[in-house]
């Protein structure tokens, strides 16, 4: 009998201080990477899917999946993704935005809260 399947491993890459785009509170956001591998006899052998990166607000629990490039940029700049989040490509302040938060015709959509803990 051959036993095979998949194994997922979740690795925390960093803890970043960001302003949450869901609840609006400055909070710690763990940056995590999930890798899924094929396993044979409970031994993980090779990845079967690309790694998925995500951040999650420790205050409200809201999570957001981000691209690999955004995760690498956040690690390099200590939490400042340089405009990767928010409506139309980014707010520029490292705030993960809720999908659909900015609607056309909304005068308040362009106003983004600033994080007092980042320079």
N, C-alpha and C. Protein backbone atom coordinates (compact mmCIF):
# COMPACT_ATOMS: atom_id res chain seq x y z
N UNK A 1 0.84 -1.18 0.00
CA UNK A 1 0.00 0.00 0.00
C UNK A 1 0.89 1.24 0.00
N UNK A 2 0.56 2.18 -0.87
CA UNK A 2 1.30 3.44 -0.95
C UNK A 2 0.42 4.54 -0.36
N UNK A 3 0.98 5.28 0.56
CA UNK A 3 0.27 6.39 1.19
C UNK A 3 0.82 7.68 0.64
N UNK A 4 -0.08 8.49 0.02
CA UNK A 4 0.35 9.77 -0.53
C UNK A 4 -0.71 10.81 -0.25
N UNK A 5 -0.34 12.07 -0.43
CA UNK A 5 -1.26 13.18 -0.20
C UNK A 5 -0.54 14.50 -0.30
N UNK A 6 -1.09 15.49 0.37
CA UNK A 6 -0.48 16.82 0.36
C UNK A 6 -0.25 17.28 1.79
N UNK A 7 0.74 18.14 1.94
CA UNK A 7 1.06 18.74 3.23
C UNK A 7 1.19 20.25 3.03
N UNK A 8 0.55 21.02 3.90
CA UNK A 8 0.67 22.48 3.85
C UNK A 8 1.47 22.94 5.06
N UNK A 9 2.37 23.86 4.79
CA UNK A 9 3.18 24.44 5.86
C UNK A 9 3.00 25.94 5.83
N UNK A 10 2.71 26.51 7.00
CA UNK A 10 2.52 27.95 7.15
C UNK A 10 3.72 28.52 7.90
N UNK A 11 4.42 29.46 7.26
CA UNK A 11 5.62 30.06 7.84
C UNK A 11 5.39 31.55 8.03
N UNK A 12 5.65 32.04 9.23
CA UNK A 12 5.54 33.48 9.48
C UNK A 12 6.86 34.14 9.11
N UNK A 13 6.82 35.06 8.14
CA UNK A 13 8.02 35.72 7.64
C UNK A 13 8.39 36.96 8.46
N UNK A 14 7.39 37.72 8.89
CA UNK A 14 7.65 38.96 9.63
C UNK A 14 6.38 39.41 10.35
N UNK A 15 6.57 40.32 11.29
CA UNK A 15 5.45 40.97 11.96
C UNK A 15 5.55 42.45 11.63
N UNK A 16 4.57 42.97 10.90
CA UNK A 16 4.60 44.34 10.40
C UNK A 16 3.55 45.19 11.10
N UNK A 17 3.88 46.42 11.40
CA UNK A 17 2.91 47.36 11.97
C UNK A 17 2.29 48.16 10.84
N UNK A 18 0.99 47.92 10.60
CA UNK A 18 0.26 48.59 9.53
C UNK A 18 -1.06 49.12 10.06
N UNK A 19 -1.66 50.00 9.30
CA UNK A 19 -2.99 50.49 9.59
C UNK A 19 -3.96 49.60 8.82
N UNK A 20 -4.85 48.93 9.53
CA UNK A 20 -5.76 47.98 8.90
C UNK A 20 -6.76 48.71 8.01
N UNK A 21 -6.93 48.21 6.80
CA UNK A 21 -7.87 48.79 5.86
C UNK A 21 -9.31 48.37 6.14
N UNK A 22 -9.51 47.36 6.98
CA UNK A 22 -10.85 46.90 7.31
C UNK A 22 -11.41 47.63 8.53
N UNK A 23 -10.64 47.63 9.63
CA UNK A 23 -11.14 48.24 10.88
C UNK A 23 -10.57 49.64 11.13
N UNK A 24 -9.48 50.01 10.44
CA UNK A 24 -8.90 51.34 10.58
C UNK A 24 -7.99 51.51 11.78
N UNK A 25 -7.67 50.45 12.48
CA UNK A 25 -6.82 50.54 13.67
C UNK A 25 -5.38 50.20 13.32
N UNK A 26 -4.41 50.91 13.91
CA UNK A 26 -3.01 50.50 13.73
C UNK A 26 -2.77 49.23 14.55
N UNK A 27 -2.30 48.19 13.90
CA UNK A 27 -2.11 46.91 14.58
C UNK A 27 -1.00 46.13 13.91
N UNK A 28 -0.54 45.11 14.59
CA UNK A 28 0.46 44.21 14.03
C UNK A 28 -0.22 43.30 12.99
N UNK A 29 0.48 43.07 11.89
CA UNK A 29 0.00 42.19 10.83
C UNK A 29 1.09 41.16 10.55
N UNK A 30 0.87 39.90 10.90
CA UNK A 30 1.87 38.88 10.54
C UNK A 30 1.86 38.64 9.03
N UNK A 31 3.04 38.62 8.45
CA UNK A 31 3.20 38.29 7.03
C UNK A 31 3.53 36.81 6.97
N UNK A 32 2.66 36.04 6.32
CA UNK A 32 2.80 34.58 6.31
C UNK A 32 2.88 34.04 4.89
N UNK A 33 3.55 32.89 4.77
CA UNK A 33 3.67 32.21 3.48
C UNK A 33 3.20 30.77 3.67
N UNK A 34 2.30 30.32 2.78
CA UNK A 34 1.81 28.94 2.82
C UNK A 34 2.34 28.19 1.60
N UNK A 35 2.97 27.05 1.86
CA UNK A 35 3.52 26.21 0.80
C UNK A 35 2.84 24.84 0.89
N UNK A 36 2.29 24.36 -0.24
CA UNK A 36 1.64 23.06 -0.29
C UNK A 36 2.54 22.11 -1.08
N UNK A 37 2.88 20.97 -0.47
CA UNK A 37 3.78 20.00 -1.09
C UNK A 37 3.12 18.64 -1.20
N UNK A 38 3.53 17.89 -2.22
CA UNK A 38 3.13 16.50 -2.37
C UNK A 38 3.93 15.67 -1.37
N UNK A 39 3.25 14.76 -0.69
CA UNK A 39 3.96 13.93 0.28
C UNK A 39 3.73 12.46 -0.01
N UNK A 40 4.76 11.68 0.22
CA UNK A 40 4.73 10.24 0.03
C UNK A 40 5.20 9.61 1.33
N UNK A 41 4.36 8.76 1.91
CA UNK A 41 4.64 8.17 3.22
C UNK A 41 4.94 9.25 4.26
N UNK A 42 4.13 10.30 4.25
CA UNK A 42 4.20 11.41 5.20
C UNK A 42 5.50 12.22 5.10
N UNK A 43 6.20 12.12 3.99
CA UNK A 43 7.42 12.90 3.77
C UNK A 43 7.13 13.90 2.66
N UNK A 44 7.17 15.22 2.95
CA UNK A 44 6.94 16.21 1.89
C UNK A 44 8.08 16.18 0.87
N UNK A 45 7.71 16.07 -0.42
CA UNK A 45 8.73 15.92 -1.46
C UNK A 45 8.94 17.17 -2.29
N UNK A 46 7.89 17.67 -2.95
CA UNK A 46 8.06 18.83 -3.83
C UNK A 46 6.79 19.67 -3.81
N UNK A 47 6.92 20.98 -4.05
CA UNK A 47 5.74 21.85 -4.05
C UNK A 47 4.86 21.55 -5.26
N UNK A 48 3.55 21.56 -5.03
CA UNK A 48 2.61 21.31 -6.13
C UNK A 48 1.84 22.57 -6.52
N UNK A 49 2.00 23.63 -5.75
CA UNK A 49 1.33 24.90 -6.04
C UNK A 49 2.27 26.04 -5.65
N UNK A 50 2.13 27.19 -6.30
CA UNK A 50 2.98 28.32 -5.90
C UNK A 50 2.66 28.75 -4.47
N UNK A 51 3.66 29.31 -3.80
CA UNK A 51 3.49 29.78 -2.43
C UNK A 51 2.49 30.93 -2.42
N UNK A 52 1.66 30.98 -1.38
CA UNK A 52 0.69 32.05 -1.23
C UNK A 52 1.07 32.87 -0.01
N UNK A 53 1.12 34.19 -0.19
CA UNK A 53 1.48 35.12 0.89
C UNK A 53 0.21 35.82 1.36
N UNK A 54 0.15 36.07 2.67
CA UNK A 54 -1.01 36.76 3.22
C UNK A 54 -0.61 37.55 4.45
N UNK A 55 -1.44 38.55 4.77
CA UNK A 55 -1.29 39.30 6.01
C UNK A 55 -2.63 39.26 6.72
N UNK A 56 -2.61 39.38 8.05
CA UNK A 56 -3.83 39.33 8.84
C UNK A 56 -3.74 40.32 9.98
N UNK A 57 -4.79 41.09 10.17
CA UNK A 57 -4.85 42.07 11.24
C UNK A 57 -5.03 41.34 12.57
N UNK A 58 -4.19 41.66 13.55
CA UNK A 58 -4.32 41.03 14.86
C UNK A 58 -5.42 41.68 15.69
N UNK A 59 -5.92 42.83 15.26
CA UNK A 59 -6.99 43.51 16.00
C UNK A 59 -8.36 42.96 15.63
N UNK A 60 -8.67 42.92 14.32
CA UNK A 60 -10.00 42.48 13.89
C UNK A 60 -10.00 41.10 13.26
N UNK A 61 -8.83 40.58 12.90
CA UNK A 61 -8.74 39.25 12.33
C UNK A 61 -8.93 39.19 10.82
N UNK A 62 -9.11 40.32 10.17
CA UNK A 62 -9.31 40.35 8.72
C UNK A 62 -8.00 39.98 8.02
N UNK A 63 -8.09 39.10 7.03
CA UNK A 63 -6.92 38.67 6.29
C UNK A 63 -7.00 39.07 4.84
N UNK A 64 -5.83 39.27 4.24
CA UNK A 64 -5.72 39.66 2.84
C UNK A 64 -4.60 38.86 2.19
N UNK A 65 -4.88 38.26 1.05
CA UNK A 65 -3.84 37.58 0.30
C UNK A 65 -3.13 38.61 -0.58
N UNK A 66 -1.80 38.55 -0.59
CA UNK A 66 -1.01 39.50 -1.37
C UNK A 66 -0.10 38.74 -2.32
N UNK A 67 0.44 39.44 -3.29
CA UNK A 67 1.33 38.81 -4.26
C UNK A 67 2.72 38.60 -3.66
N UNK A 68 3.49 37.76 -4.29
CA UNK A 68 4.85 37.48 -3.84
C UNK A 68 5.71 38.74 -3.91
N UNK A 69 5.53 39.54 -4.97
CA UNK A 69 6.30 40.76 -5.13
C UNK A 69 5.99 41.75 -4.01
N UNK A 70 4.71 41.88 -3.66
CA UNK A 70 4.33 42.77 -2.57
C UNK A 70 4.93 42.32 -1.25
N UNK A 71 4.91 41.01 -1.01
CA UNK A 71 5.48 40.47 0.23
C UNK A 71 6.97 40.74 0.31
N UNK A 72 7.68 40.54 -0.80
CA UNK A 72 9.13 40.79 -0.81
C UNK A 72 9.42 42.26 -0.59
N UNK A 73 8.60 43.13 -1.19
CA UNK A 73 8.79 44.57 -1.03
C UNK A 73 8.51 44.99 0.41
N UNK A 74 7.48 44.41 1.03
CA UNK A 74 7.17 44.72 2.41
C UNK A 74 8.30 44.28 3.34
N UNK A 75 8.89 43.14 3.07
CA UNK A 75 10.02 42.67 3.88
C UNK A 75 11.23 43.59 3.70
N UNK A 76 11.48 44.03 2.48
CA UNK A 76 12.64 44.87 2.21
C UNK A 76 12.51 46.25 2.83
N UNK A 77 11.29 46.79 2.85
CA UNK A 77 11.09 48.15 3.35
C UNK A 77 10.50 48.20 4.74
N UNK A 78 10.42 47.09 5.41
CA UNK A 78 9.92 47.09 6.78
C UNK A 78 8.46 47.43 6.91
N UNK A 79 7.63 47.02 5.95
CA UNK A 79 6.19 47.24 6.06
C UNK A 79 5.64 48.28 5.13
N UNK A 80 6.46 48.97 4.37
CA UNK A 80 5.96 49.97 3.43
C UNK A 80 5.98 49.38 2.03
N UNK A 81 4.83 48.92 1.51
CA UNK A 81 4.82 48.27 0.21
C UNK A 81 4.97 49.21 -0.97
N UNK A 82 4.95 50.50 -0.76
CA UNK A 82 5.18 51.45 -1.85
C UNK A 82 4.05 51.50 -2.85
N UNK A 83 2.82 51.49 -2.38
CA UNK A 83 1.70 51.67 -3.28
C UNK A 83 1.15 50.39 -3.87
N UNK A 84 1.31 49.26 -3.22
CA UNK A 84 0.79 48.02 -3.75
C UNK A 84 -0.63 47.75 -3.30
N UNK A 85 -1.12 48.46 -2.31
CA UNK A 85 -2.45 48.19 -1.78
C UNK A 85 -3.39 49.32 -2.11
N UNK A 86 -4.66 49.03 -1.98
CA UNK A 86 -5.67 50.06 -2.11
C UNK A 86 -6.26 50.12 -3.49
N UNK A 87 -7.16 51.06 -3.72
CA UNK A 87 -7.84 51.18 -5.00
C UNK A 87 -6.90 51.63 -6.11
N UNK A 88 -7.10 51.13 -7.30
CA UNK A 88 -6.32 51.44 -8.50
C UNK A 88 -4.82 51.35 -8.26
N UNK A 89 -4.39 50.27 -7.59
CA UNK A 89 -2.96 50.03 -7.48
C UNK A 89 -2.30 50.55 -6.24
N UNK A 90 -2.97 51.33 -5.41
CA UNK A 90 -2.29 51.62 -4.17
C UNK A 90 -2.62 52.94 -3.53
N UNK A 91 -2.53 52.91 -2.22
CA UNK A 91 -2.73 54.11 -1.44
C UNK A 91 -1.40 54.73 -1.05
N UNK A 92 -0.30 53.94 -1.15
CA UNK A 92 1.01 54.49 -0.87
C UNK A 92 1.37 54.53 0.59
N UNK A 93 0.46 54.12 1.49
CA UNK A 93 0.77 54.19 2.91
C UNK A 93 0.81 52.83 3.58
N UNK A 94 0.82 51.73 2.81
CA UNK A 94 0.94 50.42 3.40
C UNK A 94 -0.34 49.90 4.02
N UNK A 95 -1.48 50.42 3.57
CA UNK A 95 -2.75 50.02 4.14
C UNK A 95 -3.42 49.00 3.25
N UNK A 96 -3.61 47.77 3.73
CA UNK A 96 -4.39 46.83 2.93
C UNK A 96 -5.84 47.26 2.91
N UNK A 97 -6.40 47.46 1.75
CA UNK A 97 -7.75 47.98 1.63
C UNK A 97 -8.75 46.85 1.40
N UNK A 98 -9.97 47.07 1.89
CA UNK A 98 -11.05 46.13 1.69
C UNK A 98 -11.44 46.17 0.21
N UNK A 99 -11.64 45.01 -0.44
CA UNK A 99 -12.02 45.01 -1.86
C UNK A 99 -13.32 45.78 -2.05
N UNK A 100 -13.31 46.71 -2.99
CA UNK A 100 -14.49 47.50 -3.28
C UNK A 100 -14.71 48.65 -2.33
N UNK A 101 -13.70 49.00 -1.53
CA UNK A 101 -13.86 50.06 -0.54
C UNK A 101 -14.01 51.42 -1.22
N UNK A 102 -13.34 51.63 -2.33
CA UNK A 102 -13.44 52.91 -3.02
C UNK A 102 -14.37 52.75 -4.22
N UNK A 103 -15.45 53.50 -4.20
CA UNK A 103 -16.41 53.47 -5.29
C UNK A 103 -16.30 54.77 -6.07
N UNK A 104 -16.49 54.68 -7.38
CA UNK A 104 -16.47 55.89 -8.20
C UNK A 104 -17.61 56.80 -7.78
N UNK A 105 -17.32 58.09 -7.67
CA UNK A 105 -18.32 59.05 -7.27
C UNK A 105 -18.39 59.27 -5.77
N UNK A 106 -17.62 58.54 -5.01
CA UNK A 106 -17.60 58.70 -3.56
C UNK A 106 -16.51 59.71 -3.21
N UNK A 107 -16.88 60.89 -2.67
CA UNK A 107 -15.87 61.90 -2.38
C UNK A 107 -14.93 61.50 -1.25
N UNK A 108 -15.32 60.55 -0.40
CA UNK A 108 -14.48 60.14 0.72
C UNK A 108 -13.57 58.97 0.37
N UNK A 109 -13.71 58.40 -0.83
CA UNK A 109 -12.91 57.23 -1.21
C UNK A 109 -11.44 57.59 -1.38
N UNK A 110 -11.12 58.81 -1.77
CA UNK A 110 -9.74 59.20 -1.99
C UNK A 110 -9.01 59.48 -0.68
N UNK A 111 -9.75 59.72 0.40
CA UNK A 111 -9.13 60.01 1.68
C UNK A 111 -8.72 58.70 2.35
N UNK A 112 -7.44 58.55 2.60
CA UNK A 112 -6.91 57.34 3.25
C UNK A 112 -6.39 57.72 4.61
N UNK A 113 -6.72 56.94 5.65
CA UNK A 113 -6.16 57.23 6.97
C UNK A 113 -4.66 57.00 6.98
N UNK A 114 -3.94 57.85 7.70
CA UNK A 114 -2.50 57.75 7.76
C UNK A 114 -2.11 56.99 9.01
N UNK A 115 -1.06 56.21 8.92
CA UNK A 115 -0.54 55.45 10.04
C UNK A 115 0.46 56.32 10.79
N UNK A 116 0.19 56.68 12.05
CA UNK A 116 1.11 57.55 12.79
C UNK A 116 2.40 56.85 13.20
N UNK A 117 2.46 55.53 13.06
CA UNK A 117 3.64 54.78 13.51
C UNK A 117 4.65 54.56 12.39
N UNK A 118 4.32 54.92 11.17
CA UNK A 118 5.26 54.79 10.06
C UNK A 118 5.67 56.17 9.59
N UNK A 119 6.93 56.30 9.22
CA UNK A 119 7.39 57.60 8.74
C UNK A 119 7.34 57.69 7.25
